[in-house]
Every structure is written in C-alpha cells, then in structure tokens.
PDB file of N, CA and C in Angstrom:
ATOM      1  N   MET A   1       5.958  -5.386  10.075  1.00  0.00           N
ATOM      2  CA  MET A   1       7.110  -4.936   9.352  1.00  0.00           C
ATOM      3  C   MET A   1       7.300  -3.316   9.788  1.00  0.00           C
ATOM      4  N   GLN A   2       8.418  -2.826  10.006  1.00  0.00           N
ATOM      5  CA  GLN A   2       8.657  -1.580  10.559  1.00  0.00           C
ATOM      6  C   GLN A   2       8.363  -0.577   9.281  1.00  0.00           C
ATOM      7  N   VAL A   3       8.001   0.666   9.547  1.00  0.00           N
ATOM      8  CA  VAL A   3       7.786   1.446   8.307  1.00  0.00           C
ATOM      9  C   VAL A   3       8.883   1.925   7.691  1.00  0.00           C
ATOM     10  N   LYS A   4      10.092   1.899   8.107  1.00  0.00           N
ATOM     11  CA  LYS A   4      11.401   2.384   7.299  1.00  0.00           C
ATOM     12  C   LYS A   4      11.450   1.123   6.290  1.00  0.00           C
ATOM     13  N   ASN A   5      11.397   0.013   6.766  1.00  0.00           N
ATOM     14  CA  ASN A   5      11.293  -1.321   5.858  1.00  0.00           C
ATOM     15  C   ASN A   5      10.514  -1.201   4.730  1.00  0.00           C
ATOM     16  N   LEU A   6       9.184  -0.816   5.099  1.00  0.00           N
ATOM     17  CA  LEU A   6       8.242  -0.900   4.292  1.00  0.00           C
ATOM     18  C   LEU A   6       8.197   0.112   3.269  1.00  0.00           C
ATOM     19  N   ILE A   7       8.986   1.348   3.667  1.00  0.00           N
ATOM     20  CA  ILE A   7       9.049   2.287   2.485  1.00  0.00           C
ATOM     21  C   ILE A   7      10.218   1.774   1.405  1.00  0.00           C
ATOM     22  N   SER A   8      11.173   1.429   2.129  1.00  0.00           N
ATOM     23  CA  SER A   8      12.266   0.813   1.449  1.00  0.00           C
ATOM     24  C   SER A   8      11.819  -0.347   0.253  1.00  0.00           C
ATOM     25  N   ARG A   9      10.988  -1.157   0.664  1.00  0.00           N
ATOM     26  CA  ARG A   9      10.486  -2.183  -0.044  1.00  0.00           C
ATOM     27  C   ARG A   9       9.552  -1.556  -1.050  1.00  0.00           C
ATOM     28  N   LEU A  10       8.788  -0.793  -0.964  1.00  0.00           N
ATOM     29  CA  LEU A  10       7.911  -0.102  -1.738  1.00  0.00           C
ATOM     30  C   LEU A  10       8.687   0.360  -2.996  1.00  0.00           C
ATOM     31  N   GLU A  11       9.729   0.998  -2.420  1.00  0.00           N
ATOM     32  CA  GLU A  11      10.467   1.932  -3.567  1.00  0.00           C
ATOM     33  C   GLU A  11      11.339   0.682  -4.413  1.00  0.00           C
ATOM     34  N   GLN A  12      11.764  -0.459  -3.973  1.00  0.00           N
ATOM     35  CA  GLN A  12      12.356  -1.259  -4.671  1.00  0.00           C
ATOM     36  C   GLN A  12      11.594  -2.048  -5.274  1.00  0.00           C
ATOM     37  N   MET A  13      10.175  -2.420  -4.949  1.00  0.00           N
ATOM     38  CA  MET A  13       9.332  -3.129  -6.070  1.00  0.00           C
ATOM     39  C   MET A  13       8.488  -2.226  -6.961  1.00  0.00           C
ATOM     40  N   MET A  14       8.503  -0.983  -6.674  1.00  0.00           N
ATOM     41  CA  MET A  14       7.623  -0.181  -7.661  1.00  0.00           C
ATOM     42  C   MET A  14       8.022  -0.475  -9.127  1.00  0.00           C
ATOM     43  N   PRO A  15       9.179  -0.686  -9.749  1.00  0.00           N
ATOM     44  CA  PRO A  15       9.241  -0.795 -11.015  1.00  0.00           C
ATOM     45  C   PRO A  15       8.310  -2.074 -11.444  1.00  0.00           C
ATOM     46  N   PHE A  16       8.307  -3.258 -10.718  1.00  0.00           N
ATOM     47  CA  PHE A  16       7.884  -4.318 -11.023  1.00  0.00           C
ATOM     48  C   PHE A  16       6.298  -4.388 -10.881  1.00  0.00           C
ATOM     49  N   MET A  17       5.808  -3.479 -10.328  1.00  0.00           N
ATOM     50  CA  MET A  17       4.351  -3.628 -10.011  1.00  0.00           C
ATOM     51  C   MET A  17       3.437  -3.159 -11.147  1.00  0.00           C
ATOM     52  N   SER A  18       2.002  -3.623 -11.042  1.00  0.00           N
ATOM     53  CA  SER A  18       1.137  -3.241 -12.002  1.00  0.00           C
ATOM     54  C   SER A  18       0.753  -1.730 -11.565  1.00  0.00           C
ATOM     55  N   GLU A  19      -0.109  -1.290 -12.804  1.00  0.00           N
ATOM     56  CA  GLU A  19      -0.608   0.136 -12.554  1.00  0.00           C
ATOM     57  C   GLU A  19      -1.461   0.396 -11.088  1.00  0.00           C
ATOM     58  N   LYS A  20      -2.125  -0.637 -10.818  1.00  0.00           N
ATOM     59  CA  LYS A  20      -3.011  -0.396  -9.587  1.00  0.00           C
ATOM     60  C   LYS A  20      -2.049  -0.419  -8.633  1.00  0.00           C
ATOM     61  N   GLU A  21      -1.318  -1.330  -8.408  1.00  0.00           N
ATOM     62  CA  GLU A  21      -0.157  -1.537  -7.462  1.00  0.00           C
ATOM     63  C   GLU A  21       0.559  -0.340  -7.283  1.00  0.00           C
ATOM     64  N   LYS A  22       1.019   0.221  -8.419  1.00  0.00           N
ATOM     65  CA  LYS A  22       1.740   1.578  -8.171  1.00  0.00           C
ATOM     66  C   LYS A  22       1.098   2.808  -7.554  1.00  0.00           C
ATOM     67  N   ARG A  23      -0.480   2.590  -7.931  1.00  0.00           N
ATOM     68  CA  ARG A  23      -1.353   3.660  -7.466  1.00  0.00           C
ATOM     69  C   ARG A  23      -1.375   3.658  -5.814  1.00  0.00           C
ATOM     70  N   ILE A  24      -1.369   2.440  -5.519  1.00  0.00           N
ATOM     71  CA  ILE A  24      -1.530   2.179  -3.880  1.00  0.00           C
ATOM     72  C   ILE A  24      -0.083   2.475  -3.361  1.00  0.00           C
ATOM     73  N   ALA A  25       0.913   1.984  -4.140  1.00  0.00           N
ATOM     74  CA  ALA A  25       2.291   2.427  -3.415  1.00  0.00           C
ATOM     75  C   ALA A  25       2.525   3.977  -3.346  1.00  0.00           C
ATOM     76  N   ARG A  26       2.042   4.476  -4.524  1.00  0.00           N
ATOM     77  CA  ARG A  26       2.282   5.969  -4.416  1.00  0.00           C
ATOM     78  C   ARG A  26       1.439   6.560  -3.447  1.00  0.00           C
ATOM     79  N   PHE A  27       0.273   6.217  -3.170  1.00  0.00           N
ATOM     80  CA  PHE A  27      -0.535   6.766  -2.153  1.00  0.00           C
ATOM     81  C   PHE A  27       0.162   6.597  -0.543  1.00  0.00           C
ATOM     82  N   VAL A  28       0.517   5.493  -0.623  1.00  0.00           N
ATOM     83  CA  VAL A  28       1.217   5.084   0.802  1.00  0.00           C
ATOM     84  C   VAL A  28       2.289   5.848   1.096  1.00  0.00           C
ATOM     85  N   LEU A  29       3.140   6.099   0.036  1.00  0.00           N
ATOM     86  CA  LEU A  29       4.380   6.915   0.068  1.00  0.00           C
ATOM     87  C   LEU A  29       3.976   8.391   0.412  1.00  0.00           C
ATOM     88  N   GLU A  30       3.069   8.699  -0.169  1.00  0.00           N
ATOM     89  CA  GLU A  30       2.732  10.071  -0.166  1.00  0.00           C
ATOM     90  C   GLU A  30       2.038  10.486   0.815  1.00  0.00           C
ATOM     91  N   ASN A  31       1.289   9.547   1.706  1.00  0.00           N
ATOM     92  CA  ASN A  31       0.488   9.920   2.825  1.00  0.00           C
ATOM     93  C   ASN A  31       0.753   8.964   4.191  1.00  0.00           C
ATOM     94  N   ARG A  32       1.986   8.896   4.253  1.00  0.00           N
ATOM     95  CA  ARG A  32       2.792   7.827   4.963  1.00  0.00           C
ATOM     96  C   ARG A  32       1.942   8.088   6.674  1.00  0.00           C
ATOM     97  N   GLN A  33       1.819   9.044   7.050  1.00  0.00           N
ATOM     98  CA  GLN A  33       0.948   9.035   8.510  1.00  0.00           C
ATOM     99  C   GLN A  33      -0.268   8.992   8.308  1.00  0.00           C
ATOM    100  N   GLN A  34      -1.084   9.460   7.220  1.00  0.00           N
ATOM    101  CA  GLN A  34      -2.375   9.425   7.399  1.00  0.00           C
ATOM    102  C   GLN A  34      -2.832   7.992   7.004  1.00  0.00           C
ATOM    103  N   VAL A  35      -2.122   7.175   6.127  1.00  0.00           N
ATOM    104  CA  VAL A  35      -2.577   5.869   5.593  1.00  0.00           C
ATOM    105  C   VAL A  35      -2.805   4.960   7.023  1.00  0.00           C
ATOM    106  N   LEU A  36      -1.898   5.061   7.936  1.00  0.00           N
ATOM    107  CA  LEU A  36      -2.106   4.557   9.324  1.00  0.00           C
ATOM    108  C   LEU A  36      -3.285   4.330  10.061  1.00  0.00           C
ATOM    109  N   SER A  37      -4.101   5.618   9.862  1.00  0.00           N
ATOM    110  CA  SER A  37      -5.438   5.626  10.408  1.00  0.00           C
ATOM    111  C   SER A  37      -6.619   5.342   9.494  1.00  0.00           C
ATOM    112  N   LEU A  38      -6.346   5.384   8.350  1.00  0.00           N
ATOM    113  CA  LEU A  38      -7.237   5.029   7.300  1.00  0.00           C
ATOM    114  C   LEU A  38      -7.809   3.537   7.289  1.00  0.00           C
ATOM    115  N   THR A  39      -9.343   3.335   7.113  1.00  0.00           N
ATOM    116  CA  THR A  39      -9.643   1.996   6.889  1.00  0.00           C
ATOM    117  C   THR A  39      -9.364   1.485   5.456  1.00  0.00           C
ATOM    118  N   LEU A  40      -9.438   0.292   5.218  1.00  0.00           N
ATOM    119  CA  LEU A  40      -9.381  -0.402   3.900  1.00  0.00           C
ATOM    120  C   LEU A  40     -10.476   0.265   2.966  1.00  0.00           C
ATOM    121  N   LYS A  41     -11.509   0.548   3.218  1.00  0.00           N
ATOM    122  CA  LYS A  41     -12.591   1.090   2.463  1.00  0.00           C
ATOM    123  C   LYS A  41     -12.235   2.622   1.934  1.00  0.00           C
ATOM    124  N   GLU A  42     -11.690   3.309   3.018  1.00  0.00           N
ATOM    125  CA  GLU A  42     -11.177   4.622   2.876  1.00  0.00           C
ATOM    126  C   GLU A  42      -9.889   4.711   1.932  1.00  0.00           C
ATOM    127  N   ILE A  43      -9.014   3.773   1.892  1.00  0.00           N
ATOM    128  CA  ILE A  43      -7.880   3.765   1.078  1.00  0.00           C
ATOM    129  C   ILE A  43      -8.354   3.256  -0.356  1.00  0.00           C
ATOM    130  N   SER A  44      -9.157   2.303  -0.500  1.00  0.00           N
ATOM    131  CA  SER A  44      -9.910   1.973  -1.589  1.00  0.00           C
ATOM    132  C   SER A  44     -10.498   3.197  -2.478  1.00  0.00           C
ATOM    133  N   THR A  45     -11.263   3.886  -1.609  1.00  0.00           N
ATOM    134  CA  THR A  45     -11.954   5.060  -2.362  1.00  0.00           C
ATOM    135  C   THR A  45     -10.925   6.355  -2.585  1.00  0.00           C
ATOM    136  N   LYS A  46      -9.799   6.393  -2.073  1.00  0.00           N
ATOM    137  CA  LYS A  46      -9.059   7.512  -2.337  1.00  0.00           C
ATOM    138  C   LYS A  46      -7.945   7.041  -3.539  1.00  0.00           C
ATOM    139  N   THR A  47      -7.882   5.694  -3.421  1.00  0.00           N
ATOM    140  CA  THR A  47      -6.907   5.267  -4.490  1.00  0.00           C
ATOM    141  C   THR A  47      -7.699   4.743  -5.806  1.00  0.00           C
ATOM    142  N   GLU A  48      -9.060   4.610  -5.775  1.00  0.00           N
ATOM    143  CA  GLU A  48      -9.744   4.162  -6.849  1.00  0.00           C
ATOM    144  C   GLU A  48      -9.419   2.911  -7.238  1.00  0.00           C
ATOM    145  N   VAL A  49      -9.113   1.692  -6.200  1.00  0.00           N
ATOM    146  CA  VAL A  49      -8.653   0.695  -6.488  1.00  0.00           C
ATOM    147  C   VAL A  49      -9.612  -0.261  -5.433  1.00  0.00           C
ATOM    148  N   SER A  50      -9.833  -1.577  -6.015  1.00  0.00           N
ATOM    149  CA  SER A  50     -10.628  -2.528  -5.059  1.00  0.00           C
ATOM    150  C   SER A  50     -10.160  -2.838  -3.610  1.00  0.00           C
ATOM    151  N   GLU A  51     -10.822  -3.143  -2.770  1.00  0.00           N
ATOM    152  CA  GLU A  51     -10.335  -3.596  -1.574  1.00  0.00           C
ATOM    153  C   GLU A  51      -9.526  -4.898  -1.783  1.00  0.00           C
ATOM    154  N   ALA A  52     -10.064  -5.749  -2.412  1.00  0.00           N
ATOM    155  CA  ALA A  52      -9.344  -7.165  -2.709  1.00  0.00           C
ATOM    156  C   ALA A  52      -8.071  -6.859  -3.214  1.00  0.00           C
ATOM    157  N   THR A  53      -7.993  -5.872  -4.207  1.00  0.00           N
ATOM    158  CA  THR A  53      -6.529  -5.331  -4.714  1.00  0.00           C
ATOM    159  C   THR A  53      -5.629  -4.826  -3.844  1.00  0.00           C
ATOM    160  N   ILE A  54      -6.124  -4.359  -2.661  1.00  0.00           N
ATOM    161  CA  ILE A  54      -5.514  -3.635  -1.625  1.00  0.00           C
ATOM    162  C   ILE A  54      -4.826  -4.616  -0.767  1.00  0.00           C
ATOM    163  N   ILE A  55      -5.623  -5.639  -0.493  1.00  0.00           N
ATOM    164  CA  ILE A  55      -5.263  -6.852   0.307  1.00  0.00           C
ATOM    165  C   ILE A  55      -4.156  -7.689  -0.455  1.00  0.00           C
ATOM    166  N   ARG A  56      -4.475  -8.080  -1.665  1.00  0.00           N
ATOM    167  CA  ARG A  56      -3.460  -8.376  -2.548  1.00  0.00           C
ATOM    168  C   ARG A  56      -2.172  -7.981  -2.468  1.00  0.00           C
ATOM    169  N   PHE A  57      -2.171  -6.508  -2.638  1.00  0.00           N
ATOM    170  CA  PHE A  57      -1.098  -5.721  -2.585  1.00  0.00           C
ATOM    171  C   PHE A  57      -0.131  -5.805  -1.252  1.00  0.00           C
ATOM    172  N   ALA A  58      -0.812  -5.777  -0.033  1.00  0.00           N
ATOM    173  CA  ALA A  58      -0.613  -5.887   1.100  1.00  0.00           C
ATOM    174  C   ALA A  58       0.236  -7.081   1.473  1.00  0.00           C
ATOM    175  N   ARG A  59      -0.462  -8.013   1.049  1.00  0.00           N
ATOM    176  CA  ARG A  59       0.335  -9.569   1.316  1.00  0.00           C
ATOM    177  C   ARG A  59       1.421  -9.633   0.044  1.00  0.00           C
ATOM    178  N   LYS A  60       1.507  -9.232  -1.126  1.00  0.00           N
ATOM    179  CA  LYS A  60       2.622  -8.897  -1.801  1.00  0.00           C
ATOM    180  C   LYS A  60       3.922  -8.423  -1.373  1.00  0.00           C
ATOM    181  N   ILE A  61       3.622  -7.161  -0.651  1.00  0.00           N
ATOM    182  CA  ILE A  61       4.969  -6.558  -0.019  1.00  0.00           C
ATOM    183  C   ILE A  61       5.398  -7.073   1.080  1.00  0.00           C
ATOM    184  N   GLY A  62       4.685  -8.105   2.097  1.00  0.00           N
ATOM    185  CA  GLY A  62       4.928  -8.590   3.182  1.00  0.00           C
ATOM    186  C   GLY A  62       4.096  -8.355   4.296  1.00  0.00           C
ATOM    187  N   CYS A  63       3.175  -7.595   4.183  1.00  0.00           N
ATOM    188  CA  CYS A  63       2.439  -7.239   5.364  1.00  0.00           C
ATOM    189  C   CYS A  63       1.389  -8.486   5.622  1.00  0.00           C
ATOM    190  N   ASP A  64       1.468  -8.783   6.897  1.00  0.00           N
ATOM    191  CA  ASP A  64       0.745  -9.707   7.677  1.00  0.00           C
ATOM    192  C   ASP A  64      -0.724  -9.737   8.139  1.00  0.00           C
ATOM    193  N   GLY A  65      -1.173  -8.513   7.935  1.00  0.00           N
ATOM    194  CA  GLY A  65      -2.252  -8.072   8.434  1.00  0.00           C
ATOM    195  C   GLY A  65      -2.414  -7.357   9.798  1.00  0.00           C
ATOM    196  N   ASP A  66      -1.201  -7.206  10.642  1.00  0.00           N
ATOM    197  CA  ASP A  66      -1.291  -6.570  11.776  1.00  0.00           C
ATOM    198  C   ASP A  66      -0.750  -5.127  11.287  1.00  0.00           C
ATOM    199  N   ARG A  67      -1.596  -4.299  10.851  1.00  0.00           N
ATOM    200  CA  ARG A  67      -1.345  -2.882  10.665  1.00  0.00           C
ATOM    201  C   ARG A  67       0.254  -2.694  10.269  1.00  0.00           C
TER     202      ARG A  67
END
C-alpha cells in the first residue's frame, strides 16, 4: 500500500477505531517518516499498545506485512 493511500485510509477510518487503534493511527500520522524504520516492539513501546494489537491494526487497515 502506498503511503499516500495509507494516510488517507487512516484518516477515513479514524472515527470508527477503538481508542487503542486511534492511538496507533495518531502515532503513525504524526511520525510518518520515523515509523518506517521502527520495529514492532519500538512502536508498541511508544504507543503503549501490545504488539498483537498493532498487528491486528495493520491487518485491519489493509497492510499485508510488507512494510
């Protein structure tokens, strides 16, 4: 998924997300460049959300596991 499409998708889905999903989405939107180089564990620590929740979030927004 292209970054531009991802950003648009996050913004559209935000009203329908849980609080933890919103926390992840806000982090991604506010740290667009940095997030690309962070590990799952680092994102988990910075967002205070479990790694499993981040994986479910990624699947929900259409990411297939390829960065």
